[in-house]
Protein backbone atom coordinates (compact mmCIF):
# COMPACT_ATOMS: atom_id res chain seq x y z
CA MET A 1 0.00 0.00 0.00
CA ASN A 2 1.37 3.39 -1.00
CA LYS A 3 1.43 6.08 1.67
CA TYR A 4 1.13 9.77 0.88
CA LEU A 5 1.71 12.74 3.14
CA ILE A 6 0.49 16.26 2.34
CA ALA A 7 1.36 19.52 4.03
CA SER A 8 -2.00 21.24 3.61
CA ALA A 9 -2.37 24.72 2.20
CA ARG A 10 -2.66 26.95 5.23
CA ASP A 11 -5.77 28.87 4.17
CA LEU A 12 -9.22 27.50 3.36
CA ASP A 13 -9.36 29.27 -0.01
CA SER A 14 -6.41 27.22 -1.24
CA ALA A 15 -7.34 24.04 0.61
CA THR A 16 -10.71 23.75 -1.17
CA LEU A 17 -8.93 24.20 -4.51
CA CYS A 18 -6.89 21.08 -3.66
CA PHE A 19 -9.99 18.86 -3.90
CA PRO A 20 -9.45 17.95 -7.59
CA PHE A 21 -5.87 16.90 -6.76
CA LEU A 22 -7.10 14.69 -3.91
CA HIS A 23 -9.69 13.08 -6.17
CA ALA A 24 -7.06 12.44 -8.84
CA LEU A 25 -4.71 10.93 -6.25
CA HIS A 26 -7.46 8.66 -4.88
CA GLN A 27 -8.54 7.66 -8.38
CA GLU A 28 -4.93 6.79 -9.24
CA ASP A 29 -4.51 4.59 -6.17
CA GLU A 30 -7.74 3.78 -4.31
CA GLN A 31 -5.97 1.61 -1.73
CA ALA A 32 -3.45 4.30 -0.81
CA GLU A 33 -3.22 5.89 2.61
CA ILE A 34 -3.55 9.68 2.38
CA ASN A 35 -2.35 11.71 5.37
CA ILE A 36 -2.78 15.48 5.62
CA ILE A 37 -1.00 17.77 8.12
CA VAL A 38 -2.99 20.93 8.88
CA PRO A 39 -2.30 23.95 11.14
CA GLU A 40 -3.80 24.12 14.61
CA ASP A 41 -7.53 25.02 14.67
CA PHE A 42 -7.83 24.44 10.94
CA TYR A 43 -11.47 24.07 9.84
CA ASN A 44 -11.48 20.48 8.61
CA ILE A 45 -13.21 20.74 5.22
CA TYR A 46 -11.43 17.52 4.21
CA ARG A 47 -14.22 15.68 6.02
CA ALA A 48 -16.41 16.49 2.99
CA LEU A 49 -14.43 14.16 0.74
CA PRO A 50 -16.27 10.95 -0.24
CA PHE A 51 -13.18 8.85 0.53
CA HIS A 52 -11.13 8.58 3.69
CA VAL A 53 -8.17 10.81 4.40
CA ARG A 54 -6.39 11.06 7.74
CA VAL A 55 -6.00 14.60 9.06
CA PHE A 56 -3.54 15.58 11.80
CA GLU A 57 -3.16 19.01 13.41
CA ILE A 58 0.30 20.31 14.17
CA PRO A 59 0.20 22.56 17.27
CA GLN A 60 1.26 26.14 16.66
CA GLN A 61 4.06 25.89 19.24
CA LYS A 62 5.49 22.96 17.25
CA GLU A 63 5.94 25.01 14.07
CA THR A 64 9.67 25.43 14.55
CA ILE A 65 12.47 23.29 13.15
CA LEU A 66 12.87 21.37 16.42
CA GLY A 67 9.11 21.33 17.00
CA ILE A 68 8.37 19.80 13.58
CA HIS A 69 11.03 17.14 14.20
CA HIS A 70 9.49 16.34 17.59
CA PHE A 71 5.98 16.25 16.07
CA ALA A 72 7.07 13.86 13.31
CA TYR A 73 8.97 11.61 15.72
CA ASN A 74 5.98 11.28 18.06
CA LEU A 75 3.20 10.86 15.48
CA LYS A 76 3.42 7.08 15.40
CA ASP A 77 0.31 6.72 13.20
CA VAL A 78 2.21 8.10 10.20
CA PHE A 79 5.28 6.18 9.01
CA ASN A 80 6.94 4.69 5.91
CA ILE A 81 5.81 7.58 3.71
CA ASP A 82 6.40 7.03 0.00
CA THR A 83 5.58 10.50 -1.35
CA PHE A 84 5.23 13.93 0.26
CA PHE A 85 3.43 16.85 -1.39
CA ASP A 86 4.19 20.33 -0.03
CA PHE A 87 1.09 22.49 -0.58
CA ALA A 88 1.98 24.95 2.21
CA ASN A 89 4.99 25.86 0.08
CA ASN A 90 7.43 27.24 2.64
CA PHE A 91 10.68 26.14 4.25
CA LYS A 92 9.12 24.82 7.47
CA SER A 93 6.47 22.84 5.62
CA SER A 94 9.14 21.22 3.46
CA LEU A 95 10.74 19.93 6.67
CA ILE A 96 7.60 17.87 7.32
CA GLY A 97 8.47 15.65 4.37
CA LEU A 98 12.08 15.38 5.52
CA PHE A 99 11.32 14.55 9.15
CA PHE A 100 8.67 11.99 8.21
CA LYS A 101 11.38 10.39 6.03
CA ALA A 102 9.37 10.54 2.82
CA LYS A 103 11.32 8.97 -0.04
CA ASN A 104 9.92 11.33 -2.69
CA ARG A 105 9.39 14.96 -1.65
CA ILE A 106 7.54 17.10 -4.18
CA GLY A 107 7.31 20.88 -4.05
CA ASN A 108 9.08 24.14 -4.77
CA ARG A 109 12.88 23.96 -4.57
CA GLU A 110 13.55 27.69 -4.19
CA GLY A 111 16.05 28.88 -1.59
CA MET A 112 16.95 26.48 1.20
CA ARG A 113 14.21 24.09 0.08
CA LYS A 114 16.45 22.83 -2.72
CA PHE A 115 18.31 20.83 -0.04
CA ILE A 116 15.05 19.20 1.16
CA ILE A 117 12.66 18.88 -1.77
CA ASN A 118 13.99 16.32 -4.26
CA HIS A 119 11.32 16.69 -6.96
CA GLN A 120 10.61 20.15 -8.37
CA VAL A 121 6.96 20.60 -9.34
CA GLU A 122 6.23 22.43 -12.57
CA ARG A 123 3.25 24.53 -11.52
CA LYS A 124 0.92 26.16 -14.04
CA SER A 125 1.19 29.45 -12.14
CA TYR A 126 1.34 30.69 -8.57
CA LEU A 127 -2.27 31.84 -8.35
CA ASN A 128 -3.24 28.85 -6.18
CA SER A 129 -5.77 27.58 -8.69
CA ASP A 130 -6.98 23.99 -8.89
CA SER A 131 -4.70 23.58 -11.93
CA ASP A 132 -1.70 24.61 -9.82
CA PHE A 133 -2.34 21.88 -7.28
CA LEU A 134 -3.01 19.29 -9.98
CA SER A 135 0.48 20.11 -11.27
CA TYR A 136 1.79 18.09 -8.32
CA TYR A 137 -0.15 15.07 -9.55
CA GLU A 138 1.10 15.53 -13.12
CA SER A 139 4.70 15.93 -11.92
CA ASN A 140 4.59 12.79 -9.82
CA PHE A 141 2.61 10.43 -12.05
CA LYS A 142 3.66 11.88 -15.44
CA LYS A 143 0.03 11.97 -16.56
CA PRO A 144 -1.97 14.91 -17.94
CA VAL A 145 -5.26 15.90 -16.30
CA ASN A 146 -6.86 17.66 -19.25
CA GLY A 147 -10.64 17.54 -18.92
CA PHE A 148 -10.54 16.11 -15.38
CA LYS A 149 -13.57 17.37 -13.41
CA VAL A 150 -14.77 16.63 -9.88
CA ILE A 151 -17.98 16.87 -7.94
CA GLY A 152 -18.89 15.44 -4.53
CA ASP A 153 -19.80 11.80 -5.19
CA ASP A 154 -22.67 11.66 -2.70
CA THR A 155 -24.38 14.83 -3.90
CA GLU A 156 -27.65 13.29 -5.11
CA TYR A 157 -28.00 11.09 -2.03
CA VAL A 158 -27.46 13.96 0.36
CA LYS A 159 -29.75 16.27 -1.59
CA ASN A 160 -32.54 13.72 -1.27
CA GLN A 161 -31.87 13.55 2.46
CA TYR A 162 -32.12 17.30 3.00
CA LEU A 163 -34.44 18.47 0.24
CA GLU A 164 -35.97 21.78 1.37
CA TYR A 165 -35.03 24.70 -0.88
CA SER A 166 -37.04 27.10 1.29
CA TYR A 167 -34.23 29.50 2.22
CA PHE A 168 -31.06 31.21 1.06
CA LEU A 169 -27.87 30.42 2.96
CA ILE A 170 -25.51 33.25 3.88
CA ILE A 171 -21.95 32.24 4.79
CA PHE A 172 -20.05 35.10 6.42
CA GLU A 173 -16.27 35.06 6.35
CA ASN A 174 -16.14 36.72 9.77
CA GLU A 175 -18.78 36.86 12.50
CA LYS A 176 -18.06 40.57 12.90
CA THR A 177 -17.56 42.30 9.63
CA THR A 178 -16.48 45.84 8.75
CA ASP A 179 -18.84 48.81 8.37
CA GLU A 180 -18.32 48.67 4.60
CA ASN A 181 -19.24 45.00 4.49
CA LEU A 182 -22.29 45.61 6.70
CA LYS A 183 -23.46 48.30 4.32
CA MET A 184 -23.03 45.92 1.40
CA TRP A 185 -24.97 43.11 3.09
CA LYS A 186 -27.76 45.49 4.14
CA SER A 187 -28.21 46.67 0.57
CA PHE A 188 -28.26 43.02 -0.51
CA PHE A 189 -30.93 41.94 1.98
CA LYS A 190 -33.13 44.92 1.18
CA GLY A 191 -33.42 43.63 -2.38
CA PHE A 192 -35.55 40.69 -1.19
CA LYS A 193 -39.12 40.50 0.13
CA GLU A 194 -40.58 37.88 2.47
CA THR A 195 -37.51 35.69 2.06
CA ASN A 196 -35.94 33.25 4.52
CA PHE A 197 -32.22 33.55 5.20
CA ILE A 198 -30.05 31.28 7.34
CA ILE A 199 -26.77 32.87 8.41
CA TRP A 200 -23.77 30.63 9.15
CA ASN A 201 -20.19 31.24 10.27
CA LYS A 202 -17.52 28.67 11.10
CA ASP A 203 -16.31 30.65 14.13
CA ILE A 204 -19.75 31.18 15.68
CA GLN A 205 -18.97 29.33 18.92
CA LYS A 206 -15.81 31.30 19.70
CA ASN A 207 -17.79 34.33 20.86
CA LEU A 208 -21.38 33.10 20.73
CA TYR A 209 -22.98 35.69 23.03
CA GLU A 210 -21.30 38.67 21.36
CA THR A 211 -22.10 37.29 17.92
CA GLU A 212 -25.77 36.77 18.81
CA GLU A 213 -26.03 40.34 20.07
CA PHE A 214 -24.25 41.63 16.99
CA PHE A 215 -26.64 39.91 14.59
CA LYS A 216 -29.68 40.82 16.67
CA LYS A 217 -28.81 44.50 16.29
CA PHE A 218 -27.94 44.01 12.62
CA ILE A 219 -31.31 42.39 11.86
CA GLU A 220 -33.22 45.01 13.83
CA ASP A 221 -31.58 47.74 11.76
CA LEU A 222 -32.76 46.06 8.56
CA ASN A 223 -36.41 46.47 9.62
CA ASP A 224 -37.81 44.45 6.70
CA ASP A 225 -40.22 41.52 6.21
CA ASN A 226 -37.55 38.89 5.65
CA GLU A 227 -36.82 36.19 8.22
CA TYR A 228 -33.26 35.69 9.49
CA ILE A 229 -32.03 32.67 11.44
CA LEU A 230 -28.53 32.49 12.92
CA SER A 231 -27.13 28.94 12.83
CA LYS A 232 -25.21 28.11 16.00
CA ASN A 233 -23.66 24.84 14.79
CA PRO A 234 -20.28 25.29 13.04
CA ASP A 235 -19.75 21.59 12.30
CA VAL A 236 -19.00 20.52 8.72
CA SER A 237 -21.97 18.11 8.71
CA GLU A 238 -24.30 20.98 9.62
CA LEU A 239 -22.78 23.17 6.92
CA ASN A 240 -23.34 20.43 4.34
CA LYS A 241 -26.95 20.03 5.44
CA LEU A 242 -27.59 23.77 5.12
CA ILE A 243 -25.90 23.98 1.72
CA PHE A 244 -27.87 21.08 0.26
CA GLY A 245 -31.16 22.41 1.60
CA SER A 246 -30.73 25.94 0.27
CA LYS A 247 -32.02 27.56 -2.91
CA CYS A 248 -28.63 29.24 -3.34
CA VAL A 249 -25.65 30.27 -1.23
CA PHE A 250 -24.33 33.83 -0.94
CA THR A 251 -20.95 34.40 0.67
CA ASP A 252 -18.00 36.74 1.06
CA ALA A 253 -15.67 33.73 1.56
CA GLN A 254 -13.94 32.30 -1.50
CA TRP A 255 -13.50 28.88 0.13
CA ALA A 256 -17.26 28.64 0.70
CA SER A 257 -18.04 29.34 -2.95
CA THR A 258 -15.52 26.67 -4.03
CA TYR A 259 -17.00 24.28 -1.46
CA CYS A 260 -20.49 24.82 -2.95
CA ALA A 261 -19.12 24.29 -6.47
CA TYR A 262 -17.64 20.99 -5.34
CA PHE A 263 -21.10 19.80 -4.27
CA GLY A 264 -22.84 21.14 -7.37
CA VAL A 265 -24.77 23.83 -5.49
CA SER A 266 -25.27 27.30 -6.98
CA SER A 267 -23.56 30.14 -5.17
CA PHE A 268 -22.61 33.78 -5.57
CA PHE A 269 -19.33 35.01 -4.12
CA PHE A 270 -18.97 38.71 -3.25
CA ASN A 271 -15.43 39.05 -4.54
CA LYS A 272 -13.24 41.98 -3.49
CA ALA A 273 -10.34 40.84 -5.70
CA PRO A 274 -9.96 41.99 -9.33
CA HIS A 275 -11.52 39.80 -11.99
CA GLY A 276 -8.80 37.33 -12.97
CA PRO A 277 -8.09 33.87 -14.39
CA ASP A 278 -10.45 30.98 -13.69
CA LYS A 279 -9.31 29.08 -10.58
CA HIS A 280 -11.96 26.36 -10.96
CA ARG A 281 -11.16 24.65 -14.25
CA HIS A 282 -11.54 21.19 -12.73
CA PHE A 283 -14.86 21.65 -10.95
CA ARG A 284 -18.01 20.70 -12.87
CA ILE A 285 -19.92 23.62 -11.35
CA TYR A 286 -18.55 27.16 -11.59
CA PRO A 287 -18.93 29.46 -8.53
CA ASN A 288 -20.51 32.70 -9.71
CA SER A 289 -18.86 35.94 -8.60
CA ILE A 290 -20.18 39.42 -7.92
CA HIS A 291 -17.12 41.64 -8.13
CA LEU A 292 -16.97 44.66 -5.83
CA ASN A 293 -15.08 47.90 -6.25
CA GLN A 294 -13.14 49.59 -3.45
CA ASN A 295 -16.38 50.99 -2.03
CA LYS A 296 -17.95 47.49 -1.92
CA ILE A 297 -20.31 48.39 -4.79
CA PRO A 298 -20.96 45.61 -7.35
CA PHE A 299 -19.63 46.43 -10.82
CA LEU A 300 -19.26 43.04 -12.54
CA ILE A 301 -20.90 39.61 -12.47
CA SER A 302 -19.03 36.58 -13.80
CA THR A 303 -20.48 33.13 -14.41
CA ARG A 304 -19.11 30.28 -16.49
CA SER A 305 -21.24 31.41 -19.46
CA GLU A 306 -20.86 35.19 -19.31
CA THR A 307 -19.29 38.27 -17.77
CA LYS A 308 -21.59 41.24 -17.40
CA GLY A 309 -21.02 44.78 -16.18
CA ILE A 310 -23.43 46.21 -13.61
CA GLY A 311 -23.66 49.50 -11.75
CA ASN A 312 -24.98 48.77 -8.26
CA MET A 313 -26.44 46.19 -5.87
CA SER A 314 -29.93 46.60 -7.29
CA GLU A 315 -28.74 45.45 -10.72
CA ALA A 316 -26.89 42.55 -9.10
CA ILE A 317 -30.08 41.43 -7.34
CA ASP A 318 -32.08 41.74 -10.58
CA TYR A 319 -29.52 39.43 -12.20
CA ILE A 320 -29.75 36.96 -9.29
CA HIS A 321 -33.56 36.88 -9.54
CA GLN A 322 -33.35 36.17 -13.25
CA TYR A 323 -30.57 33.59 -12.82
CA LEU A 324 -32.53 31.68 -10.15
CA ASN A 325 -35.96 32.21 -11.76
CA ILE A 326 -37.45 33.74 -8.61
């Protein structure tokens, strides 16, 4: 049995874009053991995969040269690693492959890493797209991935389990957002009438009381006829249930829009970054984006089929209504 070890990308945006790579790796070798090292308190989205991967957290205080060595020495569940993939892409993460004694260590060989990484990956770019991460697969197995697409294997089963479609799901990046973001969300909500919204955040339990008070005041200020429910369960299984039961997901978190695309669920991502290259070439569903200018005003909508200029939130909501046939 082949054993693989992966130093996870350190942010959720990049980690979700690794899903096509993980599917390709599992498809290549279904009996393989896949181990993933993640930072402390990392939100474990890898639980969404339809096949088993083993995830281990490295404590923050262990993220030193000696600490990584100690962590590797004491993690007895991971041994005899055949191939290491460095997705964190830094000197300390490359040491993980070395200290776990991986025979083949794949990653970027810049700087001091050239003494540790023994297989230079030829990445498509450094935009952290799904194609970039699939470059590791192509470099190791010498196989192209042209046309390779993924979607969560259990989508139809789970949809049948949680079929509701009576609400829109809002996934906030942060439980307390900036005044500019609040203004944007208020203008968004005011574009709907008699609509149910469920609001979810992965960090809800860290400051539950303060977050509840924050949203209570936020909803009171809206003073409209919509209904707002704050989800208090941050677990991945609860997130999946809410996603599958929603009409559509709206979010200011890139990872959440990619996560929805993985499961084949429509979403719109309020994107503060400039419109750029497609990062989702290997997902069957494309996460729609509403691009915002510096004042958080929508100016562009991009879907897989079109890119359209708009002038304000009202035009964005008109587009959403037409897109969703509501």
